[in-house]
C-alpha atoms as a PDB file:
ATOM      1  CA  MET A   1       0.000   0.000   0.000  1.00  0.00           C
ATOM      2  CA  SER A   2       1.338   3.416  -0.922  1.00  0.00           C
ATOM      3  CA  ALA A   3       2.295   5.777   1.892  1.00  0.00           C
ATOM      4  CA  LYS A   4       1.285   8.721  -0.327  1.00  0.00           C
ATOM      5  CA  ILE A   5      -2.493   8.266  -0.080  1.00  0.00           C
ATOM      6  CA  ASN A   6      -3.408  11.705   1.178  1.00  0.00           C
ATOM      7  CA  SER A   7      -6.232  12.874  -1.082  1.00  0.00           C
ATOM      8  CA  ASP A   8      -9.854  11.835  -1.355  1.00  0.00           C
ATOM      9  CA  TRP A   9      -9.341  10.493  -4.899  1.00  0.00           C
ATOM     10  CA  ALA A  10      -6.322   8.414  -3.888  1.00  0.00           C
ATOM     11  CA  ALA A  11      -7.982   7.008  -0.757  1.00  0.00           C
ATOM     12  CA  VAL A  12     -11.190   6.034  -2.553  1.00  0.00           C
ATOM     13  CA  GLY A  13      -9.212   4.568  -5.448  1.00  0.00           C
ATOM     14  CA  GLU A  14      -7.213   2.495  -2.979  1.00  0.00           C
ATOM     15  CA  TYR A  15     -10.453   1.352  -1.298  1.00  0.00           C
ATOM     16  CA  PHE A  16     -11.695  -0.059  -4.609  1.00  0.00           C
ATOM     17  CA  ARG A  17      -8.338  -1.644  -5.392  1.00  0.00           C
ATOM     18  CA  LEU A  18      -8.150  -3.368  -2.013  1.00  0.00           C
ATOM     19  CA  PHE A  19     -11.773  -4.464  -1.731  1.00  0.00           C
ATOM     20  CA  ARG A  20     -12.323  -5.431  -5.372  1.00  0.00           C
ATOM     21  CA  TYR A  21     -12.532  -9.109  -4.401  1.00  0.00           C
ATOM     22  CA  GLY A  22     -13.721  -8.470  -0.859  1.00  0.00           C
ATOM     23  CA  ILE A  23     -11.823 -10.092   1.958  1.00  0.00           C
ATOM     24  CA  THR A  24     -11.253 -13.697   1.008  1.00  0.00           C
ATOM     25  CA  THR A  25      -9.694 -16.430   3.066  1.00  0.00           C
ATOM     26  CA  SER A  26      -6.788 -16.657   0.625  1.00  0.00           C
ATOM     27  CA  SER A  27      -6.155 -12.884   0.662  1.00  0.00           C
ATOM     28  CA  ALA A  28      -6.299 -12.879   4.463  1.00  0.00           C
ATOM     29  CA  LYS A  29      -3.585 -15.546   4.556  1.00  0.00           C
ATOM     30  CA  ALA A  30      -1.442 -13.857   1.905  1.00  0.00           C
ATOM     31  CA  GLN A  31      -1.792 -10.307   3.254  1.00  0.00           C
ATOM     32  CA  PRO A  32      -3.181 -10.654   6.792  1.00  0.00           C
ATOM     33  CA  ASN A  33      -3.243  -6.944   7.630  1.00  0.00           C
ATOM     34  CA  PHE A  34      -3.619  -5.298   4.216  1.00  0.00           C
ATOM     35  CA  HIS A  35      -7.289  -4.303   4.531  1.00  0.00           C
ATOM     36  CA  GLU A  36      -6.948  -3.468   8.222  1.00  0.00           C
ATOM     37  CA  ALA A  37      -3.870  -1.323   7.565  1.00  0.00           C
ATOM     38  CA  PHE A  38      -5.796   0.683   4.993  1.00  0.00           C
ATOM     39  CA  THR A  39      -8.859   1.215   7.189  1.00  0.00           C
ATOM     40  CA  SER A  40      -6.808   2.132  10.238  1.00  0.00           C
ATOM     41  CA  SER A  41      -4.722   4.650   8.289  1.00  0.00           C
ATOM     42  CA  LYS A  42      -7.285   6.097   5.858  1.00  0.00           C
ATOM     43  CA  VAL A  43     -10.624   5.932   7.687  1.00  0.00           C
ATOM     44  CA  THR A  44     -11.517   8.144  10.665  1.00  0.00           C
ATOM     45  CA  SER A  45     -12.117   6.392  13.981  1.00  0.00           C
ATOM     46  CA  ASN A  46     -15.756   7.551  14.007  1.00  0.00           C
ATOM     47  CA  CYS A  47     -16.382   6.910  10.309  1.00  0.00           C
ATOM     48  CA  ALA A  48     -20.043   6.219   9.498  1.00  0.00           C
ATOM     49  CA  ILE A  49     -20.513   3.020   7.479  1.00  0.00           C
ATOM     50  CA  ASN A  50     -24.246   2.929   6.736  1.00  0.00           C
ATOM     51  CA  THR A  51     -25.644   2.070  10.204  1.00  0.00           C
ATOM     52  CA  GLN A  52     -22.298   1.213  11.829  1.00  0.00           C
ATOM     53  CA  TYR A  53     -19.280   3.225  12.927  1.00  0.00           C
ATOM     54  CA  GLY A  54     -15.518   2.896  12.820  1.00  0.00           C
ATOM     55  CA  PRO A  55     -12.934   1.404  10.480  1.00  0.00           C
ATOM     56  CA  GLU A  56     -13.601  -2.061  11.891  1.00  0.00           C
ATOM     57  CA  ALA A  57     -17.185  -1.802  10.558  1.00  0.00           C
ATOM     58  CA  ILE A  58     -15.817  -1.846   7.000  1.00  0.00           C
ATOM     59  CA  ILE A  59     -13.813  -4.994   7.733  1.00  0.00           C
ATOM     60  CA  ARG A  60     -16.720  -6.640   9.556  1.00  0.00           C
ATOM     61  CA  THR A  61     -19.161  -5.885   6.723  1.00  0.00           C
ATOM     62  CA  TRP A  62     -16.829  -7.186   4.012  1.00  0.00           C
ATOM     63  CA  ARG A  63     -15.976 -10.326   6.002  1.00  0.00           C
ATOM     64  CA  SER A  64     -19.651 -11.111   6.559  1.00  0.00           C
ATOM     65  CA  LEU A  65     -20.507 -10.563   2.902  1.00  0.00           C
ATOM     66  CA  CYS A  66     -17.592 -12.714   1.734  1.00  0.00           C
ATOM     67  CA  GLU A  67     -18.478 -15.449   4.214  1.00  0.00           C
ATOM     68  CA  MET A  68     -22.069 -15.546   2.914  1.00  0.00           C
ATOM     69  CA  PHE A  69     -21.335 -15.477  -0.820  1.00  0.00           C
ATOM     70  CA  ALA A  70     -18.726 -16.980  -3.127  1.00  0.00           C
ATOM     71  CA  ASP A  71     -16.649 -15.094  -5.701  1.00  0.00           C
ATOM     72  CA  VAL A  72     -17.514 -11.586  -4.500  1.00  0.00           C
ATOM     73  CA  GLU A  73     -16.337  -8.855  -6.854  1.00  0.00           C
ATOM     74  CA  LEU A  74     -16.778  -5.093  -6.469  1.00  0.00           C
ATOM     75  CA  GLU A  75     -16.471  -3.263  -9.778  1.00  0.00           C
ATOM     76  CA  LEU A  76     -16.107   0.505  -9.954  1.00  0.00           C
ATOM     77  CA  LYS A  77     -18.155   1.802 -12.894  1.00  0.00           C
ATOM     78  CA  SER A  78     -17.652   5.541 -12.366  1.00  0.00           C
ATOM     79  CA  LEU A  79     -16.324   7.956  -9.776  1.00  0.00           C
ATOM     80  CA  GLU A  80     -17.253  11.629  -9.682  1.00  0.00           C
ATOM     81  CA  LYS A  81     -16.622  14.507  -7.348  1.00  0.00           C
ATOM     82  CA  GLU A  82     -20.060  15.827  -6.408  1.00  0.00           C
ATOM     83  CA  HIS A  83     -18.609  18.747  -4.453  1.00  0.00           C
ATOM     84  CA  VAL A  84     -15.583  19.385  -2.260  1.00  0.00           C
ATOM     85  CA  GLY A  85     -15.035  16.415   0.030  1.00  0.00           C
ATOM     86  CA  THR A  86     -17.682  14.192  -1.562  1.00  0.00           C
ATOM     87  CA  LEU A  87     -17.004  11.458  -4.102  1.00  0.00           C
ATOM     88  CA  VAL A  88     -19.856   9.434  -5.585  1.00  0.00           C
ATOM     89  CA  ALA A  89     -19.127   6.010  -7.038  1.00  0.00           C
ATOM     90  CA  ALA A  90     -21.382   3.901  -9.231  1.00  0.00           C
ATOM     91  CA  THR A  91     -20.540   0.251  -8.625  1.00  0.00           C
ATOM     92  CA  ARG A  92     -21.613  -3.256  -9.414  1.00  0.00           C
ATOM     93  CA  THR A  93     -21.106  -6.057  -6.907  1.00  0.00           C
ATOM     94  CA  SER A  94     -21.324  -9.601  -8.203  1.00  0.00           C
ATOM     95  CA  ALA A  95     -21.505 -12.725  -6.070  1.00  0.00           C
ATOM     96  CA  THR A  96     -22.435 -16.374  -6.412  1.00  0.00           C
ATOM     97  CA  ILE A  97     -25.149 -17.974  -4.298  1.00  0.00           C
ATOM     98  CA  THR A  98     -23.972 -21.284  -2.837  1.00  0.00           C
ATOM     99  CA  GLU A  99     -25.325 -23.852  -0.379  1.00  0.00           C
ATOM    100  CA  HIS A 100     -23.512 -21.872   2.310  1.00  0.00           C
ATOM    101  CA  THR A 101     -25.276 -18.680   1.153  1.00  0.00           C
ATOM    102  CA  LEU A 102     -28.630 -20.404   1.489  1.00  0.00           C
ATOM    103  CA  ARG A 103     -27.761 -21.553   5.036  1.00  0.00           C
ATOM    104  CA  THR A 104     -26.422 -18.189   6.211  1.00  0.00           C
ATOM    105  CA  ALA A 105     -28.281 -15.503   4.230  1.00  0.00           C
ATOM    106  CA  PHE A 106     -31.570 -17.324   3.632  1.00  0.00           C
ATOM    107  CA  PRO A 107     -31.876 -19.812   6.510  1.00  0.00           C
ATOM    108  CA  HIS A 108     -35.682 -19.840   6.314  1.00  0.00           C
ATOM    109  CA  LEU A 109     -35.535 -21.374   2.810  1.00  0.00           C
ATOM    110  CA  ARG A 110     -33.935 -24.609   4.006  1.00  0.00           C
ATOM    111  CA  HIS A 111     -37.299 -26.219   4.651  1.00  0.00           C
ATOM    112  CA  GLY A 112     -38.753 -28.627   2.054  1.00  0.00           C
ATOM    113  CA  LYS A 113     -41.561 -26.401   0.776  1.00  0.00           C
ATOM    114  CA  ASN A 114     -39.053 -23.956  -0.745  1.00  0.00           C
ATOM    115  CA  VAL A 115     -37.292 -26.410  -3.084  1.00  0.00           C
ATOM    116  CA  THR A 116     -38.217 -24.467  -6.242  1.00  0.00           C
ATOM    117  CA  VAL A 117     -36.985 -21.206  -4.724  1.00  0.00           C
ATOM    118  CA  THR A 118     -33.688 -22.692  -3.577  1.00  0.00           C
ATOM    119  CA  GLU A 119     -33.161 -24.331  -6.980  1.00  0.00           C
ATOM    120  CA  LYS A 120     -33.563 -20.926  -8.641  1.00  0.00           C
ATOM    121  CA  LEU A 121     -31.065 -19.340  -6.259  1.00  0.00           C
ATOM    122  CA  LEU A 122     -28.419 -22.061  -6.005  1.00  0.00           C
ATOM    123  CA  GLY A 123     -25.426 -21.412  -8.247  1.00  0.00           C
ATOM    124  CA  ARG A 124     -26.885 -18.124  -9.474  1.00  0.00           C
ATOM    125  CA  ARG A 125     -24.469 -15.242  -9.981  1.00  0.00           C
ATOM    126  CA  ILE A 126     -26.209 -12.043  -8.933  1.00  0.00           C
ATOM    127  CA  SER A 127     -25.162  -8.560  -9.936  1.00  0.00           C
ATOM    128  CA  VAL A 128     -26.143  -5.654  -7.697  1.00  0.00           C
ATOM    129  CA  ARG A 129     -25.868  -2.023  -8.759  1.00  0.00           C
ATOM    130  CA  SER A 130     -24.986   0.443  -6.026  1.00  0.00           C
ATOM    131  CA  THR A 131     -24.145   4.041  -5.362  1.00  0.00           C
ATOM    132  CA  MET A 132     -21.442   4.662  -2.794  1.00  0.00           C
ATOM    133  CA  ILE A 133     -20.925   8.096  -1.280  1.00  0.00           C
ATOM    134  CA  PHE A 134     -17.534   8.777   0.292  1.00  0.00           C
ATOM    135  CA  LEU A 135     -17.041  11.834   2.506  1.00  0.00           C
ATOM    136  CA  TRP A 136     -13.510  13.101   3.064  1.00  0.00           C
ATOM    137  CA  ASP A 137     -12.213  14.764   6.219  1.00  0.00           C
ATOM    138  CA  PRO A 138      -9.608  17.244   4.923  1.00  0.00           C
ATOM    139  CA  THR A 139      -8.272  17.983   8.405  1.00  0.00           C
ATOM    140  CA  HIS A 140      -7.382  14.373   9.177  1.00  0.00           C
ATOM    141  CA  ARG A 141      -6.943  13.446   5.491  1.00  0.00           C
ATOM    142  CA  ARG A 142      -9.138  10.380   5.888  1.00  0.00           C
ATOM    143  CA  ILE A 143     -12.452   8.984   4.717  1.00  0.00           C
ATOM    144  CA  SER A 144     -15.095  10.020   7.263  1.00  0.00           C
ATOM    145  CA  SER A 145     -18.168   8.294   5.828  1.00  0.00           C
ATOM    146  CA  VAL A 146     -19.076   5.525   3.389  1.00  0.00           C
ATOM    147  CA  MET A 147     -22.779   5.279   2.589  1.00  0.00           C
ATOM    148  CA  THR A 148     -23.990   2.618   0.196  1.00  0.00           C
ATOM    149  CA  GLN A 149     -27.365   2.400  -1.529  1.00  0.00           C
ATOM    150  CA  SER A 150     -27.835  -0.889  -3.361  1.00  0.00           C
ATOM    151  CA  ASP A 151     -30.554  -2.380  -5.527  1.00  0.00           C
ATOM    152  CA  LEU A 152     -30.938  -6.098  -4.939  1.00  0.00           C
ATOM    153  CA  LEU A 153     -34.635  -5.899  -5.814  1.00  0.00           C
ATOM    154  CA  THR A 154     -34.101  -5.614  -9.587  1.00  0.00           C
ATOM    155  CA  PRO A 155     -32.002  -8.783 -10.033  1.00  0.00           C
ATOM    156  CA  MET A 156     -34.352 -10.693  -7.726  1.00  0.00           C
ATOM    157  CA  LEU A 157     -37.404  -9.515  -9.692  1.00  0.00           C
ATOM    158  CA  ARG A 158     -35.755 -10.732 -12.900  1.00  0.00           C
ATOM    159  CA  LEU A 159     -35.244 -14.111 -11.295  1.00  0.00           C
ATOM    160  CA  PHE A 160     -38.579 -14.568  -9.506  1.00  0.00           C
ATOM    161  CA  ARG A 161     -40.842 -12.429 -11.741  1.00  0.00           C
ATOM    162  CA  SER A 162     -43.099 -11.122  -8.937  1.00  0.00           C
ATOM    163  CA  LEU A 163     -42.850  -8.936  -5.852  1.00  0.00           C
ATOM    164  CA  GLU A 164     -44.727 -11.561  -3.864  1.00  0.00           C
ATOM    165  CA  ASN A 165     -42.098 -14.209  -4.638  1.00  0.00           C
ATOM    166  CA  VAL A 166     -39.250 -11.806  -3.830  1.00  0.00           C
ATOM    167  CA  SER A 167     -40.994 -10.875  -0.586  1.00  0.00           C
ATOM    168  CA  ASP A 168     -41.203 -14.554   0.373  1.00  0.00           C
ATOM    169  CA  VAL A 169     -37.470 -14.983  -0.284  1.00  0.00           C
ATOM    170  CA  TYR A 170     -36.513 -11.982   1.866  1.00  0.00           C
ATOM    171  CA  GLU A 171     -38.953 -12.483   4.729  1.00  0.00           C
ATOM    172  CA  GLY A 172     -36.686 -14.083   7.307  1.00  0.00           C
ATOM    173  CA  ALA A 173     -33.490 -13.482   5.308  1.00  0.00           C
ATOM    174  CA  MET A 174     -30.307 -12.188   6.938  1.00  0.00           C
ATOM    175  CA  LEU A 175     -29.780  -9.822   4.002  1.00  0.00           C
ATOM    176  CA  SER A 176     -32.037  -6.939   2.987  1.00  0.00           C
ATOM    177  CA  LEU A 177     -33.068  -5.900  -0.521  1.00  0.00           C
ATOM    178  CA  ASP A 178     -30.641  -2.985  -0.249  1.00  0.00           C
ATOM    179  CA  PHE A 179     -27.835  -5.580   0.189  1.00  0.00           C
ATOM    180  CA  GLN A 180     -27.287  -4.772   3.863  1.00  0.00           C
ATOM    181  CA  LEU A 181     -26.720  -7.369   6.549  1.00  0.00           C
ATOM    182  CA  LYS A 182     -29.534  -7.667   9.074  1.00  0.00           C
ATOM    183  CA  THR A 183     -28.925  -8.320  12.732  1.00  0.00           C
ATOM    184  CA  ASP A 184     -32.383  -9.910  13.069  1.00  0.00           C
ATOM    185  CA  PRO A 185     -34.386 -11.522  10.226  1.00  0.00           C
END
């Protein structure tokens, strides 16, 4: 990681470089502190991460997502400066739904009556469009906020063809339709 990351553009660019493939088991073994080093040096201690706070919230969120899904990939589509200290990124996150995903993200679907639903989900590669807003603290030269708005509804509607079916899939899920982890289903 470069020691010269001291602008909003450089810090956000480094975020996307580091988290492009999430935090995988193999990357954790190869570079055990790479992601943590970035968040501790380029994210404020009280950084807002959607509904959580602190650099560790970024790590925790990415770990949870990568534990639930296989082959997670974050792709930066565009990055624009909205105004001083605010960068807005259009992204696409892709991930594969596995047996483990069904057990951890959709535990309520494990029962026999949902066989058709689980068959549609299993092995499916989903692609979620998101907008990420990064706020920069010029005094501390760190990212002070990362807010993500994601659309998981659209790919699920394509797959299940009705809001009622999508609602059934997400009622009791550990993941919301805005691609956020739930603490309670």
